N, C-alpha and C. Protein backbone atom coordinates (compact mmCIF):
# COMPACT_ATOMS: atom_id res chain seq x y z
N ILE A 1 1.97 -10.66 5.35
CA ILE A 1 0.73 -10.74 4.58
C ILE A 1 0.33 -12.19 4.36
N ARG A 2 1.31 -13.05 4.05
CA ARG A 2 0.97 -14.44 3.76
C ARG A 2 0.62 -15.22 5.02
N LYS A 3 1.22 -14.87 6.15
CA LYS A 3 1.02 -15.65 7.38
C LYS A 3 0.61 -14.74 8.54
N PRO A 4 -0.58 -14.16 8.48
CA PRO A 4 -0.97 -13.25 9.55
C PRO A 4 -1.16 -13.93 10.90
N LEU A 5 -1.60 -15.19 10.89
CA LEU A 5 -1.83 -15.87 12.16
C LEU A 5 -0.51 -16.16 12.87
N GLU A 6 0.51 -16.47 12.10
CA GLU A 6 1.83 -16.75 12.70
C GLU A 6 2.51 -15.46 13.14
N TYR A 7 2.57 -14.47 12.26
CA TYR A 7 3.37 -13.27 12.55
C TYR A 7 2.63 -12.21 13.35
N LEU A 8 1.31 -12.12 13.23
CA LEU A 8 0.57 -11.12 13.98
C LEU A 8 -0.02 -11.67 15.27
N MET A 9 -0.37 -12.97 15.26
CA MET A 9 -1.07 -13.53 16.40
C MET A 9 -0.25 -14.57 17.16
N GLY A 10 0.92 -14.94 16.64
CA GLY A 10 1.80 -15.87 17.33
C GLY A 10 1.29 -17.29 17.42
N ILE A 11 0.51 -17.71 16.44
CA ILE A 11 -0.05 -19.07 16.44
C ILE A 11 0.92 -20.01 15.73
N ASN A 12 1.31 -21.10 16.42
CA ASN A 12 2.24 -22.05 15.81
C ASN A 12 1.47 -23.09 14.98
N GLN A 13 2.19 -24.00 14.35
CA GLN A 13 1.56 -24.95 13.43
C GLN A 13 0.58 -25.87 14.13
N ASP A 14 0.91 -26.37 15.31
CA ASP A 14 0.00 -27.27 16.02
C ASP A 14 -1.30 -26.55 16.39
N GLN A 15 -1.18 -25.31 16.85
CA GLN A 15 -2.37 -24.53 17.18
C GLN A 15 -3.20 -24.24 15.93
N PHE A 16 -2.50 -23.93 14.84
CA PHE A 16 -3.18 -23.67 13.57
C PHE A 16 -3.95 -24.91 13.12
N ASN A 17 -3.32 -26.07 13.22
CA ASN A 17 -3.99 -27.32 12.84
C ASN A 17 -5.24 -27.56 13.68
N ALA A 18 -5.14 -27.27 14.98
CA ALA A 18 -6.29 -27.46 15.87
C ALA A 18 -7.42 -26.47 15.50
N ILE A 19 -7.04 -25.23 15.18
CA ILE A 19 -8.04 -24.21 14.82
C ILE A 19 -8.74 -24.59 13.52
N THR A 20 -7.97 -24.96 12.49
CA THR A 20 -8.59 -25.29 11.21
C THR A 20 -9.45 -26.54 11.31
N ASN A 21 -9.02 -27.49 12.12
CA ASN A 21 -9.82 -28.70 12.32
C ASN A 21 -11.14 -28.34 13.02
N LEU A 22 -11.07 -27.42 13.98
CA LEU A 22 -12.26 -26.99 14.70
C LEU A 22 -13.22 -26.23 13.78
N LEU A 23 -12.68 -25.31 12.96
CA LEU A 23 -13.53 -24.45 12.13
C LEU A 23 -14.00 -25.14 10.85
N ASN A 24 -13.12 -25.95 10.23
CA ASN A 24 -13.44 -26.52 8.92
C ASN A 24 -13.58 -28.03 8.90
N GLY A 25 -13.23 -28.68 9.99
CA GLY A 25 -13.29 -30.13 10.03
C GLY A 25 -12.15 -30.79 9.28
N THR A 26 -11.16 -30.01 8.88
CA THR A 26 -9.98 -30.53 8.18
C THR A 26 -8.78 -29.64 8.49
N VAL A 27 -7.59 -30.21 8.36
CA VAL A 27 -6.37 -29.44 8.61
C VAL A 27 -5.95 -28.76 7.32
N MET A 28 -5.73 -27.45 7.39
CA MET A 28 -5.33 -26.68 6.21
C MET A 28 -3.82 -26.52 6.16
N ASP A 29 -3.35 -25.97 5.05
CA ASP A 29 -1.91 -25.80 4.81
C ASP A 29 -1.38 -24.60 5.61
N TYR A 30 -0.51 -24.86 6.56
CA TYR A 30 0.08 -23.82 7.41
C TYR A 30 1.08 -22.97 6.63
N GLU A 31 1.82 -23.58 5.72
CA GLU A 31 2.88 -22.88 4.99
C GLU A 31 2.38 -22.10 3.78
N GLY A 32 1.31 -22.53 3.16
CA GLY A 32 0.79 -21.84 1.97
C GLY A 32 -0.07 -20.65 2.36
N ASN A 33 -1.18 -20.51 1.66
CA ASN A 33 -2.09 -19.40 1.93
C ASN A 33 -3.24 -19.79 2.84
N GLY A 34 -3.09 -20.90 3.55
CA GLY A 34 -4.14 -21.37 4.45
C GLY A 34 -4.45 -20.38 5.55
N GLN A 35 -3.43 -19.69 6.04
CA GLN A 35 -3.65 -18.72 7.11
C GLN A 35 -4.52 -17.57 6.64
N LEU A 36 -4.30 -17.15 5.41
CA LEU A 36 -5.12 -16.06 4.86
C LEU A 36 -6.57 -16.47 4.73
N ALA A 37 -6.78 -17.72 4.35
CA ALA A 37 -8.14 -18.19 4.10
C ALA A 37 -9.00 -18.16 5.36
N ILE A 38 -8.39 -18.32 6.53
CA ILE A 38 -9.20 -18.38 7.75
C ILE A 38 -8.92 -17.22 8.71
N ALA A 39 -8.13 -16.24 8.31
CA ALA A 39 -7.76 -15.14 9.21
C ALA A 39 -8.98 -14.46 9.81
N GLN A 40 -9.93 -14.07 8.98
CA GLN A 40 -11.13 -13.39 9.48
C GLN A 40 -12.02 -14.36 10.25
N ASP A 41 -12.03 -15.63 9.86
CA ASP A 41 -12.83 -16.63 10.58
C ASP A 41 -12.33 -16.80 12.01
N VAL A 42 -11.02 -16.68 12.19
CA VAL A 42 -10.45 -16.79 13.55
C VAL A 42 -10.97 -15.64 14.40
N PHE A 43 -11.04 -14.44 13.84
CA PHE A 43 -11.58 -13.29 14.57
C PHE A 43 -13.07 -13.51 14.90
N LEU A 44 -13.83 -13.95 13.91
CA LEU A 44 -15.27 -14.11 14.10
C LEU A 44 -15.61 -15.24 15.07
N ASN A 45 -14.72 -16.23 15.19
CA ASN A 45 -14.97 -17.38 16.07
C ASN A 45 -14.02 -17.41 17.26
N HIS A 46 -13.55 -16.25 17.68
CA HIS A 46 -12.55 -16.16 18.76
C HIS A 46 -13.01 -16.89 20.02
N ASP A 47 -14.22 -16.62 20.48
CA ASP A 47 -14.71 -17.24 21.72
C ASP A 47 -14.81 -18.75 21.59
N LYS A 48 -15.27 -19.23 20.44
CA LYS A 48 -15.39 -20.67 20.19
C LYS A 48 -14.01 -21.33 20.21
N ILE A 49 -13.01 -20.66 19.61
CA ILE A 49 -11.66 -21.22 19.55
C ILE A 49 -11.05 -21.28 20.95
N VAL A 50 -11.18 -20.19 21.71
CA VAL A 50 -10.61 -20.14 23.06
C VAL A 50 -11.29 -21.16 23.97
N ALA A 51 -12.59 -21.36 23.79
CA ALA A 51 -13.31 -22.35 24.61
C ALA A 51 -12.81 -23.76 24.30
N ALA A 52 -12.53 -24.05 23.02
CA ALA A 52 -12.09 -25.39 22.63
C ALA A 52 -10.60 -25.61 22.84
N ILE A 53 -9.82 -24.53 22.72
CA ILE A 53 -8.36 -24.63 22.87
C ILE A 53 -7.91 -23.60 23.90
N PRO A 54 -7.97 -23.95 25.20
CA PRO A 54 -7.69 -22.99 26.28
C PRO A 54 -6.29 -22.35 26.21
N GLU A 55 -5.33 -23.03 25.63
CA GLU A 55 -3.97 -22.46 25.55
C GLU A 55 -3.93 -21.20 24.68
N LEU A 56 -4.98 -20.96 23.91
CA LEU A 56 -5.04 -19.76 23.07
C LEU A 56 -5.82 -18.62 23.72
N SER A 57 -5.99 -18.70 25.05
CA SER A 57 -6.76 -17.66 25.74
C SER A 57 -6.09 -16.29 25.64
N ASN A 58 -4.78 -16.25 25.46
CA ASN A 58 -4.07 -14.97 25.32
C ASN A 58 -3.90 -14.55 23.86
N MET A 59 -4.53 -15.28 22.96
CA MET A 59 -4.44 -14.96 21.53
C MET A 59 -5.06 -13.58 21.29
N PRO A 60 -4.34 -12.69 20.60
CA PRO A 60 -4.91 -11.36 20.34
C PRO A 60 -6.13 -11.44 19.41
N VAL A 61 -7.02 -10.50 19.60
CA VAL A 61 -8.24 -10.42 18.78
C VAL A 61 -7.97 -9.40 17.68
N ILE A 62 -7.78 -9.87 16.45
CA ILE A 62 -7.47 -8.97 15.34
C ILE A 62 -8.55 -9.11 14.27
N ASP A 63 -9.20 -7.98 13.98
CA ASP A 63 -10.22 -7.94 12.93
C ASP A 63 -9.52 -7.61 11.62
N PHE A 64 -9.63 -8.48 10.64
CA PHE A 64 -8.97 -8.27 9.35
C PHE A 64 -9.87 -7.56 8.35
N SER A 65 -10.93 -6.92 8.85
CA SER A 65 -11.82 -6.19 7.95
C SER A 65 -11.61 -4.69 8.12
N PHE A 66 -11.89 -3.96 7.05
CA PHE A 66 -11.78 -2.50 7.03
C PHE A 66 -12.93 -1.97 6.20
N LEU A 67 -13.76 -1.13 6.81
CA LEU A 67 -14.96 -0.60 6.15
C LEU A 67 -15.83 -1.73 5.59
N GLY A 68 -15.90 -2.82 6.34
CA GLY A 68 -16.74 -3.94 5.93
C GLY A 68 -16.12 -4.87 4.89
N ILE A 69 -14.87 -4.63 4.54
CA ILE A 69 -14.18 -5.45 3.53
C ILE A 69 -13.15 -6.31 4.24
N ASN A 70 -13.18 -7.60 3.98
CA ASN A 70 -12.22 -8.53 4.55
C ASN A 70 -10.89 -8.39 3.80
N LEU A 71 -9.92 -7.71 4.42
CA LEU A 71 -8.65 -7.43 3.76
C LEU A 71 -7.73 -8.64 3.66
N SER A 72 -8.12 -9.74 4.27
CA SER A 72 -7.30 -10.95 4.12
C SER A 72 -7.65 -11.69 2.83
N GLN A 73 -8.73 -11.28 2.16
CA GLN A 73 -9.12 -11.92 0.90
C GLN A 73 -8.37 -11.29 -0.27
N THR A 74 -8.22 -12.08 -1.31
CA THR A 74 -7.57 -11.62 -2.53
C THR A 74 -8.64 -11.17 -3.52
N PRO A 75 -8.49 -9.96 -4.09
CA PRO A 75 -9.49 -9.49 -5.06
C PRO A 75 -9.55 -10.39 -6.29
N HIS A 76 -10.74 -10.53 -6.86
CA HIS A 76 -10.93 -11.30 -8.08
C HIS A 76 -11.21 -10.35 -9.23
N PHE A 77 -10.56 -10.58 -10.36
CA PHE A 77 -10.76 -9.70 -11.50
C PHE A 77 -12.19 -9.80 -12.02
N LEU A 78 -12.74 -10.99 -12.04
CA LEU A 78 -14.11 -11.21 -12.50
C LEU A 78 -15.05 -11.20 -11.29
N PHE A 79 -15.20 -10.03 -10.67
CA PHE A 79 -15.94 -9.93 -9.41
C PHE A 79 -17.40 -10.35 -9.53
N TRP A 80 -18.01 -10.15 -10.70
CA TRP A 80 -19.43 -10.48 -10.88
C TRP A 80 -19.70 -11.98 -10.84
N GLN A 81 -18.67 -12.79 -10.91
CA GLN A 81 -18.85 -14.24 -10.85
C GLN A 81 -18.72 -14.78 -9.43
N GLN A 82 -18.50 -13.90 -8.46
CA GLN A 82 -18.31 -14.33 -7.08
C GLN A 82 -19.65 -14.46 -6.37
N GLU A 83 -19.63 -15.16 -5.25
CA GLU A 83 -20.84 -15.41 -4.48
C GLU A 83 -21.45 -14.12 -3.95
N ASN A 84 -20.63 -13.31 -3.28
CA ASN A 84 -21.08 -12.04 -2.74
C ASN A 84 -20.55 -10.93 -3.65
N VAL A 85 -21.37 -10.49 -4.59
CA VAL A 85 -20.93 -9.54 -5.63
C VAL A 85 -20.54 -8.20 -5.01
N GLY A 86 -21.28 -7.74 -4.01
CA GLY A 86 -20.97 -6.45 -3.38
C GLY A 86 -19.60 -6.45 -2.74
N GLN A 87 -19.32 -7.49 -1.95
CA GLN A 87 -18.01 -7.62 -1.30
C GLN A 87 -16.92 -7.78 -2.35
N ALA A 88 -17.18 -8.59 -3.37
CA ALA A 88 -16.20 -8.83 -4.42
C ALA A 88 -15.91 -7.55 -5.20
N PHE A 89 -16.93 -6.73 -5.44
CA PHE A 89 -16.74 -5.46 -6.14
C PHE A 89 -15.89 -4.50 -5.31
N ALA A 90 -16.16 -4.45 -4.00
CA ALA A 90 -15.35 -3.59 -3.12
C ALA A 90 -13.89 -4.04 -3.13
N LEU A 91 -13.66 -5.35 -3.10
CA LEU A 91 -12.28 -5.86 -3.18
C LEU A 91 -11.67 -5.54 -4.54
N TRP A 92 -12.45 -5.62 -5.61
CA TRP A 92 -11.98 -5.33 -6.97
C TRP A 92 -11.56 -3.86 -7.10
N LEU A 93 -12.26 -2.98 -6.41
CA LEU A 93 -11.95 -1.55 -6.49
C LEU A 93 -10.58 -1.21 -5.89
N ILE A 94 -10.15 -1.97 -4.91
CA ILE A 94 -8.89 -1.65 -4.22
C ILE A 94 -7.70 -1.65 -5.19
N PRO A 95 -7.47 -2.69 -6.00
CA PRO A 95 -6.35 -2.63 -6.95
C PRO A 95 -6.51 -1.53 -7.99
N ILE A 96 -7.75 -1.28 -8.44
CA ILE A 96 -7.99 -0.24 -9.44
C ILE A 96 -7.62 1.13 -8.87
N ILE A 97 -8.11 1.42 -7.66
CA ILE A 97 -7.80 2.70 -7.01
C ILE A 97 -6.31 2.81 -6.73
N SER A 98 -5.70 1.72 -6.30
CA SER A 98 -4.26 1.73 -6.01
C SER A 98 -3.45 2.08 -7.26
N ALA A 99 -3.76 1.45 -8.39
CA ALA A 99 -3.04 1.73 -9.64
C ALA A 99 -3.30 3.16 -10.11
N ALA A 100 -4.56 3.60 -10.03
CA ALA A 100 -4.90 4.97 -10.47
C ALA A 100 -4.18 6.01 -9.62
N LEU A 101 -4.15 5.80 -8.31
CA LEU A 101 -3.45 6.75 -7.45
C LEU A 101 -1.94 6.71 -7.67
N GLY A 102 -1.41 5.57 -8.08
CA GLY A 102 0.00 5.50 -8.44
C GLY A 102 0.32 6.40 -9.61
N VAL A 103 -0.56 6.39 -10.62
CA VAL A 103 -0.38 7.26 -11.79
C VAL A 103 -0.52 8.72 -11.38
N VAL A 104 -1.56 9.02 -10.62
CA VAL A 104 -1.80 10.40 -10.19
C VAL A 104 -0.63 10.92 -9.36
N SER A 105 -0.10 10.08 -8.49
CA SER A 105 1.04 10.47 -7.66
C SER A 105 2.25 10.82 -8.52
N MET A 106 2.52 10.03 -9.56
CA MET A 106 3.64 10.34 -10.47
C MET A 106 3.38 11.64 -11.23
N LEU A 107 2.14 11.85 -11.65
CA LEU A 107 1.80 13.08 -12.37
C LEU A 107 1.95 14.31 -11.47
N VAL A 108 1.53 14.18 -10.21
CA VAL A 108 1.68 15.29 -9.27
C VAL A 108 3.16 15.61 -9.06
N THR A 109 3.97 14.59 -8.90
CA THR A 109 5.41 14.81 -8.71
C THR A 109 6.01 15.50 -9.93
N ASN A 110 5.65 15.05 -11.13
CA ASN A 110 6.17 15.68 -12.35
C ASN A 110 5.68 17.12 -12.48
N HIS A 111 4.43 17.38 -12.10
CA HIS A 111 3.87 18.73 -12.17
C HIS A 111 4.62 19.67 -11.20
N ILE A 112 4.86 19.19 -10.00
CA ILE A 112 5.58 20.01 -9.02
C ILE A 112 7.01 20.25 -9.48
N ASN A 113 7.64 19.23 -10.02
CA ASN A 113 9.00 19.42 -10.55
C ASN A 113 9.02 20.46 -11.65
N ALA A 114 8.00 20.46 -12.50
CA ALA A 114 7.95 21.40 -13.62
C ALA A 114 7.65 22.82 -13.16
N ASN A 115 6.74 22.97 -12.21
CA ASN A 115 6.29 24.32 -11.82
C ASN A 115 7.03 24.92 -10.64
N VAL A 116 7.50 24.10 -9.74
CA VAL A 116 8.20 24.63 -8.56
C VAL A 116 9.71 24.60 -8.77
N LEU A 117 10.20 23.47 -9.24
CA LEU A 117 11.64 23.35 -9.46
C LEU A 117 12.06 23.86 -10.83
N HIS A 118 11.08 24.21 -11.65
CA HIS A 118 11.30 24.78 -12.98
C HIS A 118 12.12 23.87 -13.89
N THR A 119 11.88 22.57 -13.76
CA THR A 119 12.47 21.64 -14.73
C THR A 119 11.52 21.58 -15.90
N ARG A 120 12.06 21.45 -17.06
CA ARG A 120 11.22 21.44 -18.26
C ARG A 120 10.38 20.17 -18.32
N LYS A 121 9.13 20.31 -18.76
CA LYS A 121 8.22 19.16 -18.83
C LYS A 121 8.67 18.14 -19.87
N ASN A 122 9.33 18.62 -20.89
CA ASN A 122 9.71 17.70 -21.97
C ASN A 122 11.04 17.00 -21.71
N THR A 123 11.56 17.14 -20.49
CA THR A 123 12.82 16.47 -20.19
C THR A 123 12.62 15.01 -19.79
N MET A 124 11.35 14.59 -19.67
CA MET A 124 11.08 13.22 -19.28
C MET A 124 11.55 12.26 -20.38
N ASP A 125 12.49 11.41 -20.05
CA ASP A 125 13.01 10.49 -21.06
C ASP A 125 12.08 9.29 -21.23
N GLN A 126 12.42 8.46 -22.19
CA GLN A 126 11.56 7.31 -22.53
C GLN A 126 11.40 6.34 -21.36
N SER A 127 12.47 6.14 -20.60
CA SER A 127 12.37 5.20 -19.48
C SER A 127 11.40 5.72 -18.42
N MET A 128 11.38 7.03 -18.21
CA MET A 128 10.46 7.63 -17.24
C MET A 128 9.01 7.48 -17.72
N LYS A 129 8.80 7.70 -19.01
CA LYS A 129 7.45 7.55 -19.57
C LYS A 129 6.99 6.09 -19.48
N ALA A 130 7.91 5.19 -19.75
CA ALA A 130 7.57 3.77 -19.68
C ALA A 130 7.24 3.35 -18.25
N SER A 131 8.00 3.88 -17.29
CA SER A 131 7.73 3.51 -15.90
C SER A 131 6.40 4.06 -15.42
N MET A 132 5.95 5.19 -16.00
CA MET A 132 4.64 5.73 -15.62
C MET A 132 3.50 4.81 -16.06
N VAL A 133 3.76 3.98 -17.05
CA VAL A 133 2.74 3.04 -17.51
C VAL A 133 2.96 1.66 -16.87
N ILE A 134 4.18 1.21 -16.87
CA ILE A 134 4.48 -0.15 -16.41
C ILE A 134 4.28 -0.32 -14.91
N MET A 135 4.75 0.62 -14.11
CA MET A 135 4.66 0.47 -12.66
C MET A 135 3.22 0.35 -12.16
N PRO A 136 2.29 1.21 -12.60
CA PRO A 136 0.90 1.02 -12.15
C PRO A 136 0.30 -0.30 -12.64
N LEU A 137 0.64 -0.73 -13.85
CA LEU A 137 0.13 -2.01 -14.34
C LEU A 137 0.69 -3.17 -13.52
N PHE A 138 1.96 -3.07 -13.16
CA PHE A 138 2.60 -4.09 -12.33
C PHE A 138 1.95 -4.12 -10.94
N SER A 139 1.71 -2.94 -10.36
CA SER A 139 1.07 -2.91 -9.04
C SER A 139 -0.36 -3.42 -9.12
N LEU A 140 -1.04 -3.17 -10.25
CA LEU A 140 -2.39 -3.68 -10.45
C LEU A 140 -2.38 -5.21 -10.43
N TRP A 141 -1.43 -5.80 -11.15
CA TRP A 141 -1.32 -7.26 -11.18
C TRP A 141 -1.00 -7.81 -9.79
N ILE A 142 -0.08 -7.17 -9.08
CA ILE A 142 0.28 -7.65 -7.74
C ILE A 142 -0.92 -7.58 -6.81
N CYS A 143 -1.68 -6.48 -6.89
CA CYS A 143 -2.85 -6.32 -6.02
C CYS A 143 -3.93 -7.36 -6.29
N PHE A 144 -3.98 -7.88 -7.51
CA PHE A 144 -4.96 -8.93 -7.82
C PHE A 144 -4.46 -10.32 -7.43
N THR A 145 -3.19 -10.44 -7.01
CA THR A 145 -2.65 -11.75 -6.65
C THR A 145 -2.36 -11.87 -5.16
N LEU A 146 -2.40 -10.77 -4.43
CA LEU A 146 -2.12 -10.78 -2.99
C LEU A 146 -3.33 -10.24 -2.23
N PRO A 147 -3.36 -10.40 -0.92
CA PRO A 147 -4.51 -9.92 -0.13
C PRO A 147 -4.75 -8.42 -0.33
N ALA A 148 -5.99 -8.03 -0.16
CA ALA A 148 -6.41 -6.65 -0.37
C ALA A 148 -5.70 -5.67 0.56
N ALA A 149 -5.18 -6.15 1.67
CA ALA A 149 -4.48 -5.27 2.62
C ALA A 149 -3.31 -4.57 1.94
N LEU A 150 -2.62 -5.24 1.03
CA LEU A 150 -1.49 -4.62 0.33
C LEU A 150 -1.96 -3.44 -0.52
N GLY A 151 -3.08 -3.60 -1.22
CA GLY A 151 -3.62 -2.51 -2.02
C GLY A 151 -4.02 -1.32 -1.17
N VAL A 152 -4.62 -1.58 0.00
CA VAL A 152 -4.99 -0.50 0.90
C VAL A 152 -3.73 0.23 1.39
N TYR A 153 -2.69 -0.54 1.67
CA TYR A 153 -1.41 0.07 2.07
C TYR A 153 -0.88 0.97 0.96
N TRP A 154 -0.90 0.51 -0.29
CA TRP A 154 -0.41 1.32 -1.41
C TRP A 154 -1.28 2.54 -1.65
N ILE A 155 -2.58 2.43 -1.44
CA ILE A 155 -3.47 3.59 -1.56
C ILE A 155 -3.07 4.64 -0.53
N GLY A 156 -2.91 4.22 0.70
CA GLY A 156 -2.48 5.14 1.76
C GLY A 156 -1.13 5.76 1.46
N ASN A 157 -0.22 4.95 0.96
CA ASN A 157 1.12 5.44 0.63
C ASN A 157 1.06 6.51 -0.47
N SER A 158 0.27 6.28 -1.51
CA SER A 158 0.14 7.26 -2.60
C SER A 158 -0.48 8.56 -2.11
N LEU A 159 -1.52 8.45 -1.28
CA LEU A 159 -2.16 9.65 -0.74
C LEU A 159 -1.19 10.44 0.13
N PHE A 160 -0.44 9.74 0.97
CA PHE A 160 0.55 10.40 1.82
C PHE A 160 1.65 11.05 0.99
N ALA A 161 2.10 10.37 -0.07
CA ALA A 161 3.15 10.93 -0.93
C ALA A 161 2.67 12.21 -1.60
N MET A 162 1.43 12.22 -2.11
CA MET A 162 0.91 13.44 -2.75
C MET A 162 0.75 14.57 -1.74
N LEU A 163 0.26 14.23 -0.56
CA LEU A 163 0.09 15.24 0.49
C LEU A 163 1.44 15.85 0.87
N SER A 164 2.45 15.01 1.02
CA SER A 164 3.78 15.52 1.39
C SER A 164 4.39 16.34 0.27
N GLU A 165 4.11 15.98 -0.99
CA GLU A 165 4.60 16.79 -2.11
C GLU A 165 4.05 18.21 -2.04
N PHE A 166 2.73 18.31 -1.81
CA PHE A 166 2.11 19.63 -1.72
C PHE A 166 2.56 20.39 -0.47
N ALA A 167 2.73 19.67 0.64
CA ALA A 167 3.17 20.32 1.88
C ALA A 167 4.60 20.85 1.77
N ASN A 168 5.42 20.24 0.92
CA ASN A 168 6.82 20.66 0.77
C ASN A 168 7.01 21.82 -0.19
N ILE A 169 5.97 22.22 -0.93
CA ILE A 169 6.11 23.30 -1.91
C ILE A 169 6.66 24.59 -1.28
N PRO A 170 6.11 25.07 -0.15
CA PRO A 170 6.67 26.31 0.43
C PRO A 170 8.14 26.16 0.81
N PHE A 171 8.51 25.01 1.34
CA PHE A 171 9.91 24.79 1.73
C PHE A 171 10.82 24.76 0.51
N LEU A 172 10.34 24.12 -0.57
CA LEU A 172 11.12 24.08 -1.80
C LEU A 172 11.32 25.48 -2.37
N ARG A 173 10.24 26.27 -2.40
CA ARG A 173 10.34 27.63 -2.93
C ARG A 173 11.30 28.47 -2.10
N SER A 174 11.21 28.34 -0.78
CA SER A 174 12.11 29.08 0.11
C SER A 174 13.57 28.67 -0.12
N PHE A 175 13.80 27.36 -0.25
CA PHE A 175 15.15 26.87 -0.49
C PHE A 175 15.69 27.36 -1.82
N LEU A 176 14.85 27.30 -2.86
CA LEU A 176 15.29 27.75 -4.19
C LEU A 176 15.56 29.26 -4.20
N LYS A 177 14.75 30.03 -3.47
CA LYS A 177 14.97 31.48 -3.38
C LYS A 177 16.30 31.78 -2.70
N LYS A 178 16.57 31.09 -1.59
CA LYS A 178 17.85 31.29 -0.89
C LYS A 178 19.02 30.88 -1.77
N GLN A 179 18.84 29.80 -2.48
CA GLN A 179 19.90 29.33 -3.38
C GLN A 179 20.17 30.35 -4.48
N ALA A 180 19.12 30.94 -5.06
CA ALA A 180 19.28 31.95 -6.11
C ALA A 180 19.94 33.21 -5.55
N GLU A 181 19.54 33.61 -4.33
CA GLU A 181 20.15 34.79 -3.71
C GLU A 181 21.63 34.56 -3.44
N GLU A 182 21.96 33.37 -2.97
CA GLU A 182 23.37 33.04 -2.71
C GLU A 182 24.18 33.05 -4.00
N LYS A 183 23.60 32.52 -5.05
CA LYS A 183 24.27 32.50 -6.36
C LYS A 183 24.49 33.92 -6.86
N GLU A 184 23.49 34.79 -6.70
CA GLU A 184 23.61 36.18 -7.12
C GLU A 184 24.66 36.92 -6.29
N ARG A 185 24.70 36.64 -4.97
CA ARG A 185 25.70 37.27 -4.10
C ARG A 185 27.11 36.88 -4.52
N ARG A 186 27.30 35.60 -4.80
CA ARG A 186 28.64 35.15 -5.22
C ARG A 186 29.02 35.76 -6.56
N LYS A 187 28.06 35.90 -7.44
CA LYS A 187 28.32 36.50 -8.75
C LYS A 187 28.77 37.95 -8.60
N LYS A 188 28.09 38.72 -7.71
CA LYS A 188 28.45 40.11 -7.47
C LYS A 188 29.85 40.21 -6.85
N GLU A 189 30.13 39.30 -5.89
CA GLU A 189 31.45 39.30 -5.26
C GLU A 189 32.54 39.02 -6.28
N ALA A 190 32.26 38.08 -7.18
CA ALA A 190 33.24 37.75 -8.23
C ALA A 190 33.44 38.95 -9.15
N GLN A 191 32.35 39.65 -9.48
CA GLN A 191 32.48 40.85 -10.35
C GLN A 191 33.25 41.95 -9.65
N GLU A 192 33.04 42.13 -8.34
CA GLU A 192 33.76 43.15 -7.58
C GLU A 192 35.25 42.84 -7.51
N ARG A 193 35.57 41.57 -7.31
CA ARG A 193 36.98 41.16 -7.26
C ARG A 193 37.64 41.37 -8.63
N ALA A 194 36.90 41.08 -9.67
CA ALA A 194 37.44 41.23 -11.02
C ALA A 194 37.64 42.72 -11.36
N ALA A 195 36.79 43.58 -10.81
CA ALA A 195 36.90 45.01 -11.08
C ALA A 195 38.08 45.64 -10.35
N GLN A 196 38.55 45.06 -9.26
CA GLN A 196 39.67 45.62 -8.48
C GLN A 196 40.93 45.37 -9.18
């Protein structure tokens, strides 16, 4: 996430320096978040870069945008103070949706545990209740400090987790039914042995 040009595109420091000098007229920080700052610019100026630096002709073309949102950018909490308010609002929504889906995913899991596995709803201890609040807040903070791609990943992960929870309900019920039947069979066998 921090170095997409190095790890996804195989660009070394000398090439990065040449690219940033070409695009910005100055050399940016290769080790810090400089790669994130120009990731989408490299995609948008691919032909210009290859024309100026022929050794990058095999550089992969990677678009860092998704649904019109540049995922290499970091969301800003105060989106209305940004230059492009629409883009900033879309980026701002990603951490909010990610945190909300984290809560919903935990609630779905607890609901399935209560109704399918027949665990009591009031068995949730204090640490579990605290984690239901702290974990989404922590992920919210992380999503506001790292590129939006991480939030999109967490959104997808939460959706997939909820989908798999619902898809596993029939298998869980079947397993629990077989387990109950086996327990009843053993109980009858024990009673028959005791009666002899």
